[in-house]
Amino acid sequence: MVKCQASAIDRTFSALADPTRRHVLLRLKDEPGLSVSELARPLSLKLPGMMKHLDVLSDAGLIRRTKAGRTVSVHLSVEPMREAMAWLERYERLWTVSLDRLVALVEEKDEP
């Protein structure tokens, strides 16, 4: 298999594909600046496992980390999410048109 450089949007969707990483992003939305240990605790993850997830999120640009002394705080970065949403919205129009046609067809069949 040929390896190629993943685009930014590919890295975003790949990072979002994992439920643990989505959970981390939700926590950071509600509690910005949590430490790595605080993020790992409710997930019962050891720090090396948490760091691997954070590396994927960081590579996708979805988080940024800051260090103060020995504590690493993690913050949400929203720009890659905006790009992913813009990409999805282009296809939402197609889904909406198809669903509107389906509704019209069902309503047409329900008429006496």
N, C-alpha and C. Protein backbone atom coordinates (compact mmCIF):
# COMPACT_ATOMS: atom_id res chain seq x y z
N MET A 1 0.84 -1.18 0.00
CA MET A 1 0.00 0.00 0.00
C MET A 1 0.89 1.24 0.00
N VAL A 2 0.52 2.21 -0.82
CA VAL A 2 1.29 3.44 -0.93
C VAL A 2 0.87 4.39 0.19
N LYS A 3 1.86 4.93 0.87
CA LYS A 3 1.58 5.91 1.92
C LYS A 3 1.64 7.30 1.31
N CYS A 4 0.65 8.12 1.61
CA CYS A 4 0.68 9.49 1.14
C CYS A 4 0.40 10.42 2.31
N GLN A 5 0.78 11.65 2.15
CA GLN A 5 0.59 12.65 3.19
C GLN A 5 -0.91 12.92 3.35
N ALA A 6 -1.41 12.76 4.55
CA ALA A 6 -2.83 13.01 4.82
C ALA A 6 -3.09 14.51 4.85
N SER A 7 -4.22 14.92 4.29
CA SER A 7 -4.59 16.33 4.33
C SER A 7 -5.09 16.67 5.74
N ALA A 8 -5.22 17.95 5.99
CA ALA A 8 -5.68 18.40 7.32
C ALA A 8 -7.07 17.84 7.63
N ILE A 9 -7.96 17.85 6.66
CA ILE A 9 -9.31 17.36 6.91
C ILE A 9 -9.31 15.84 7.13
N ASP A 10 -8.40 15.13 6.46
CA ASP A 10 -8.27 13.69 6.69
C ASP A 10 -7.84 13.42 8.14
N ARG A 11 -6.88 14.20 8.61
CA ARG A 11 -6.41 14.04 10.00
C ARG A 11 -7.53 14.37 10.98
N THR A 12 -8.33 15.39 10.67
CA THR A 12 -9.44 15.75 11.55
C THR A 12 -10.45 14.61 11.66
N PHE A 13 -10.91 14.11 10.51
CA PHE A 13 -11.90 13.04 10.55
C PHE A 13 -11.32 11.75 11.16
N SER A 14 -10.07 11.49 10.91
CA SER A 14 -9.43 10.31 11.50
C SER A 14 -9.38 10.44 13.03
N ALA A 15 -9.04 11.61 13.51
CA ALA A 15 -9.00 11.84 14.96
C ALA A 15 -10.39 11.72 15.57
N LEU A 16 -11.40 12.21 14.87
CA LEU A 16 -12.77 12.18 15.38
C LEU A 16 -13.40 10.80 15.31
N ALA A 17 -12.79 9.89 14.58
CA ALA A 17 -13.35 8.54 14.43
C ALA A 17 -13.29 7.73 15.72
N ASP A 18 -12.43 8.12 16.64
CA ASP A 18 -12.25 7.35 17.87
C ASP A 18 -13.13 7.92 19.00
N PRO A 19 -13.92 7.07 19.68
CA PRO A 19 -14.81 7.57 20.74
C PRO A 19 -14.06 8.16 21.93
N THR A 20 -12.89 7.65 22.24
CA THR A 20 -12.12 8.21 23.35
C THR A 20 -11.70 9.63 23.03
N ARG A 21 -11.25 9.86 21.82
CA ARG A 21 -10.83 11.21 21.44
C ARG A 21 -12.02 12.17 21.38
N ARG A 22 -13.18 11.68 20.92
CA ARG A 22 -14.37 12.54 20.94
C ARG A 22 -14.75 12.90 22.37
N HIS A 23 -14.61 11.94 23.29
CA HIS A 23 -14.90 12.20 24.71
C HIS A 23 -13.95 13.28 25.25
N VAL A 24 -12.69 13.18 24.90
CA VAL A 24 -11.70 14.17 25.34
C VAL A 24 -12.10 15.56 24.84
N LEU A 25 -12.48 15.66 23.59
CA LEU A 25 -12.87 16.96 23.03
C LEU A 25 -14.10 17.53 23.73
N LEU A 26 -15.08 16.68 24.04
CA LEU A 26 -16.26 17.15 24.77
C LEU A 26 -15.89 17.66 26.17
N ARG A 27 -15.00 16.94 26.84
CA ARG A 27 -14.57 17.39 28.17
C ARG A 27 -13.87 18.74 28.08
N LEU A 28 -13.02 18.90 27.07
CA LEU A 28 -12.29 20.16 26.92
C LEU A 28 -13.21 21.31 26.56
N LYS A 29 -14.31 21.01 25.87
CA LYS A 29 -15.29 22.06 25.57
C LYS A 29 -15.92 22.58 26.85
N ASP A 30 -16.23 21.65 27.76
CA ASP A 30 -16.88 22.02 29.01
C ASP A 30 -15.89 22.46 30.09
N GLU A 31 -14.66 21.92 30.03
CA GLU A 31 -13.66 22.20 31.06
C GLU A 31 -12.31 22.50 30.41
N PRO A 32 -12.16 23.69 29.82
CA PRO A 32 -10.90 24.00 29.14
C PRO A 32 -9.72 24.00 30.10
N GLY A 33 -8.57 23.57 29.57
CA GLY A 33 -7.34 23.64 30.36
C GLY A 33 -7.10 22.49 31.31
N LEU A 34 -7.83 21.38 31.14
CA LEU A 34 -7.60 20.23 32.01
C LEU A 34 -6.19 19.69 31.80
N SER A 35 -5.64 19.10 32.85
CA SER A 35 -4.33 18.47 32.72
C SER A 35 -4.49 17.10 32.06
N VAL A 36 -3.39 16.56 31.60
CA VAL A 36 -3.40 15.24 30.98
C VAL A 36 -3.93 14.21 31.97
N SER A 37 -3.50 14.30 33.22
CA SER A 37 -3.96 13.36 34.25
C SER A 37 -5.46 13.47 34.47
N GLU A 38 -5.97 14.69 34.50
CA GLU A 38 -7.41 14.89 34.70
C GLU A 38 -8.22 14.33 33.53
N LEU A 39 -7.69 14.44 32.33
CA LEU A 39 -8.37 13.89 31.16
C LEU A 39 -8.37 12.36 31.18
N ALA A 40 -7.28 11.77 31.64
CA ALA A 40 -7.14 10.31 31.63
C ALA A 40 -7.96 9.64 32.72
N ARG A 41 -8.10 10.29 33.86
CA ARG A 41 -8.72 9.68 35.04
C ARG A 41 -10.08 9.03 34.78
N PRO A 42 -11.09 9.73 34.27
CA PRO A 42 -12.41 9.09 34.10
C PRO A 42 -12.43 8.01 33.02
N LEU A 43 -11.43 7.99 32.18
CA LEU A 43 -11.38 7.01 31.10
C LEU A 43 -10.61 5.76 31.51
N SER A 44 -10.08 5.74 32.71
CA SER A 44 -9.27 4.62 33.20
C SER A 44 -8.12 4.32 32.26
N LEU A 45 -7.54 5.36 31.70
CA LEU A 45 -6.38 5.20 30.82
C LEU A 45 -5.11 5.51 31.59
N LYS A 46 -4.07 4.77 31.28
CA LYS A 46 -2.76 5.11 31.81
C LYS A 46 -2.22 6.27 30.99
N LEU A 47 -1.29 7.02 31.55
CA LEU A 47 -0.80 8.22 30.87
C LEU A 47 -0.23 7.95 29.48
N PRO A 48 0.53 6.87 29.25
CA PRO A 48 1.02 6.65 27.88
C PRO A 48 -0.11 6.48 26.86
N GLY A 49 -1.17 5.81 27.24
CA GLY A 49 -2.33 5.65 26.35
C GLY A 49 -3.00 6.98 26.08
N MET A 50 -3.14 7.79 27.12
CA MET A 50 -3.75 9.11 26.96
C MET A 50 -2.89 9.98 26.05
N MET A 51 -1.57 9.89 26.23
CA MET A 51 -0.66 10.70 25.42
C MET A 51 -0.77 10.34 23.93
N LYS A 52 -0.98 9.06 23.63
CA LYS A 52 -1.14 8.67 22.22
C LYS A 52 -2.39 9.31 21.62
N HIS A 53 -3.49 9.31 22.39
CA HIS A 53 -4.71 9.96 21.90
C HIS A 53 -4.48 11.46 21.73
N LEU A 54 -3.81 12.08 22.69
CA LEU A 54 -3.55 13.51 22.60
C LEU A 54 -2.63 13.84 21.43
N ASP A 55 -1.68 12.96 21.13
CA ASP A 55 -0.81 13.18 19.97
C ASP A 55 -1.61 13.20 18.67
N VAL A 56 -2.58 12.29 18.54
CA VAL A 56 -3.42 12.25 17.34
C VAL A 56 -4.24 13.54 17.25
N LEU A 57 -4.83 13.95 18.38
CA LEU A 57 -5.63 15.18 18.40
C LEU A 57 -4.76 16.40 18.08
N SER A 58 -3.55 16.40 18.60
CA SER A 58 -2.63 17.51 18.36
C SER A 58 -2.19 17.55 16.90
N ASP A 59 -1.88 16.38 16.33
CA ASP A 59 -1.48 16.32 14.91
C ASP A 59 -2.60 16.82 14.00
N ALA A 60 -3.84 16.60 14.41
CA ALA A 60 -5.00 17.07 13.64
C ALA A 60 -5.29 18.55 13.91
N GLY A 61 -4.58 19.14 14.87
CA GLY A 61 -4.80 20.55 15.20
C GLY A 61 -6.02 20.79 16.06
N LEU A 62 -6.59 19.72 16.63
CA LEU A 62 -7.82 19.85 17.42
C LEU A 62 -7.56 20.28 18.86
N ILE A 63 -6.33 20.13 19.32
CA ILE A 63 -5.97 20.58 20.66
C ILE A 63 -4.62 21.28 20.61
N ARG A 64 -4.35 22.03 21.66
CA ARG A 64 -3.00 22.56 21.87
C ARG A 64 -2.66 22.33 23.33
N ARG A 65 -1.39 22.11 23.59
CA ARG A 65 -0.94 21.82 24.95
C ARG A 65 -0.01 22.92 25.41
N THR A 66 -0.15 23.27 26.68
CA THR A 66 0.76 24.24 27.30
C THR A 66 1.33 23.61 28.56
N LYS A 67 2.56 23.97 28.87
CA LYS A 67 3.22 23.39 30.03
C LYS A 67 3.57 24.48 31.02
N ALA A 68 3.18 24.26 32.27
CA ALA A 68 3.54 25.15 33.38
C ALA A 68 4.18 24.28 34.45
N GLY A 69 5.49 24.35 34.58
CA GLY A 69 6.18 23.46 35.50
C GLY A 69 6.10 22.04 34.99
N ARG A 70 5.55 21.15 35.81
CA ARG A 70 5.40 19.75 35.40
C ARG A 70 4.01 19.44 34.86
N THR A 71 3.13 20.41 34.89
CA THR A 71 1.75 20.18 34.48
C THR A 71 1.52 20.60 33.04
N VAL A 72 0.96 19.68 32.25
CA VAL A 72 0.61 19.97 30.86
C VAL A 72 -0.90 20.15 30.80
N SER A 73 -1.33 21.34 30.39
CA SER A 73 -2.75 21.64 30.23
C SER A 73 -3.13 21.51 28.77
N VAL A 74 -4.36 21.07 28.54
CA VAL A 74 -4.82 20.83 27.18
C VAL A 74 -6.00 21.75 26.89
N HIS A 75 -5.97 22.35 25.71
CA HIS A 75 -7.01 23.29 25.30
C HIS A 75 -7.54 22.89 23.93
N LEU A 76 -8.81 23.12 23.72
CA LEU A 76 -9.48 22.82 22.46
C LEU A 76 -9.11 23.87 21.41
N SER A 77 -8.88 23.41 20.19
CA SER A 77 -8.68 24.30 19.04
C SER A 77 -9.80 24.01 18.05
N VAL A 78 -10.59 25.02 17.74
CA VAL A 78 -11.83 24.77 16.99
C VAL A 78 -11.70 24.89 15.47
N GLU A 79 -10.65 25.48 14.96
CA GLU A 79 -10.56 25.73 13.52
C GLU A 79 -10.69 24.46 12.68
N PRO A 80 -10.01 23.36 13.02
CA PRO A 80 -10.20 22.15 12.21
C PRO A 80 -11.64 21.64 12.22
N MET A 81 -12.35 21.85 13.32
CA MET A 81 -13.76 21.45 13.40
C MET A 81 -14.59 22.31 12.45
N ARG A 82 -14.28 23.58 12.38
CA ARG A 82 -15.02 24.47 11.46
C ARG A 82 -14.83 24.01 10.02
N GLU A 83 -13.60 23.65 9.66
CA GLU A 83 -13.33 23.18 8.31
C GLU A 83 -14.10 21.88 8.03
N ALA A 84 -14.14 20.98 9.00
CA ALA A 84 -14.87 19.72 8.83
C ALA A 84 -16.37 19.99 8.68
N MET A 85 -16.90 20.91 9.48
CA MET A 85 -18.33 21.25 9.39
C MET A 85 -18.65 21.87 8.03
N ALA A 86 -17.78 22.72 7.54
CA ALA A 86 -18.01 23.34 6.22
C ALA A 86 -18.04 22.26 5.14
N TRP A 87 -17.16 21.27 5.26
CA TRP A 87 -17.14 20.17 4.30
C TRP A 87 -18.44 19.37 4.37
N LEU A 88 -18.89 19.07 5.59
CA LEU A 88 -20.13 18.31 5.77
C LEU A 88 -21.35 19.08 5.29
N GLU A 89 -21.36 20.40 5.49
CA GLU A 89 -22.51 21.21 5.10
C GLU A 89 -22.74 21.17 3.59
N ARG A 90 -21.66 21.00 2.81
CA ARG A 90 -21.84 20.89 1.35
C ARG A 90 -22.69 19.67 1.01
N TYR A 91 -22.52 18.61 1.76
CA TYR A 91 -23.26 17.38 1.50
C TYR A 91 -24.61 17.38 2.18
N GLU A 92 -24.79 18.20 3.19
CA GLU A 92 -26.07 18.30 3.87
C GLU A 92 -27.16 18.73 2.88
N ARG A 93 -26.81 19.62 1.98
CA ARG A 93 -27.78 20.08 0.98
C ARG A 93 -28.29 18.91 0.15
N LEU A 94 -27.40 18.00 -0.20
CA LEU A 94 -27.81 16.82 -0.98
C LEU A 94 -28.76 15.96 -0.17
N TRP A 95 -28.46 15.74 1.09
CA TRP A 95 -29.32 14.92 1.95
C TRP A 95 -30.67 15.59 2.12
N THR A 96 -30.67 16.90 2.32
CA THR A 96 -31.91 17.63 2.54
C THR A 96 -32.81 17.52 1.31
N VAL A 97 -32.26 17.68 0.13
CA VAL A 97 -33.05 17.57 -1.10
C VAL A 97 -33.64 16.17 -1.21
N SER A 98 -32.83 15.15 -0.94
CA SER A 98 -33.32 13.77 -1.03
C SER A 98 -34.42 13.52 -0.01
N LEU A 99 -34.25 14.02 1.20
CA LEU A 99 -35.27 13.83 2.23
C LEU A 99 -36.54 14.59 1.90
N ASP A 100 -36.40 15.78 1.34
CA ASP A 100 -37.58 16.54 0.93
C ASP A 100 -38.36 15.80 -0.15
N ARG A 101 -37.65 15.18 -1.08
CA ARG A 101 -38.32 14.39 -2.12
C ARG A 101 -39.05 13.20 -1.51
N LEU A 102 -38.43 12.55 -0.55
CA LEU A 102 -39.05 11.41 0.11
C LEU A 102 -40.31 11.84 0.85
N VAL A 103 -40.26 12.94 1.57
CA VAL A 103 -41.43 13.45 2.28
C VAL A 103 -42.55 13.77 1.30
N ALA A 104 -42.20 14.42 0.20
CA ALA A 104 -43.22 14.76 -0.81
C ALA A 104 -43.86 13.50 -1.38
N LEU A 105 -43.06 12.49 -1.63
CA LEU A 105 -43.59 11.23 -2.16
C LEU A 105 -44.53 10.57 -1.16
N VAL A 106 -44.16 10.53 0.10
CA VAL A 106 -45.00 9.92 1.14
C VAL A 106 -46.30 10.70 1.29
N GLU A 107 -46.20 12.02 1.31
CA GLU A 107 -47.41 12.86 1.46
C GLU A 107 -48.32 12.69 0.25
N GLU A 108 -47.73 12.55 -0.93
CA GLU A 108 -48.52 12.36 -2.15
C GLU A 108 -49.30 11.05 -2.09
N LYS A 109 -48.69 10.01 -1.57
CA LYS A 109 -49.36 8.70 -1.47
C LYS A 109 -50.43 8.71 -0.38
N ASP A 110 -50.28 9.59 0.62
CA ASP A 110 -51.26 9.65 1.70
C ASP A 110 -52.51 10.43 1.32
N GLU A 111 -52.47 11.19 0.23
CA GLU A 111 -53.64 11.97 -0.20
C GLU A 111 -54.72 11.02 -0.73
N PRO A 112 -56.01 11.33 -0.44
CA PRO A 112 -57.11 10.48 -0.90
C PRO A 112 -57.34 10.50 -2.38
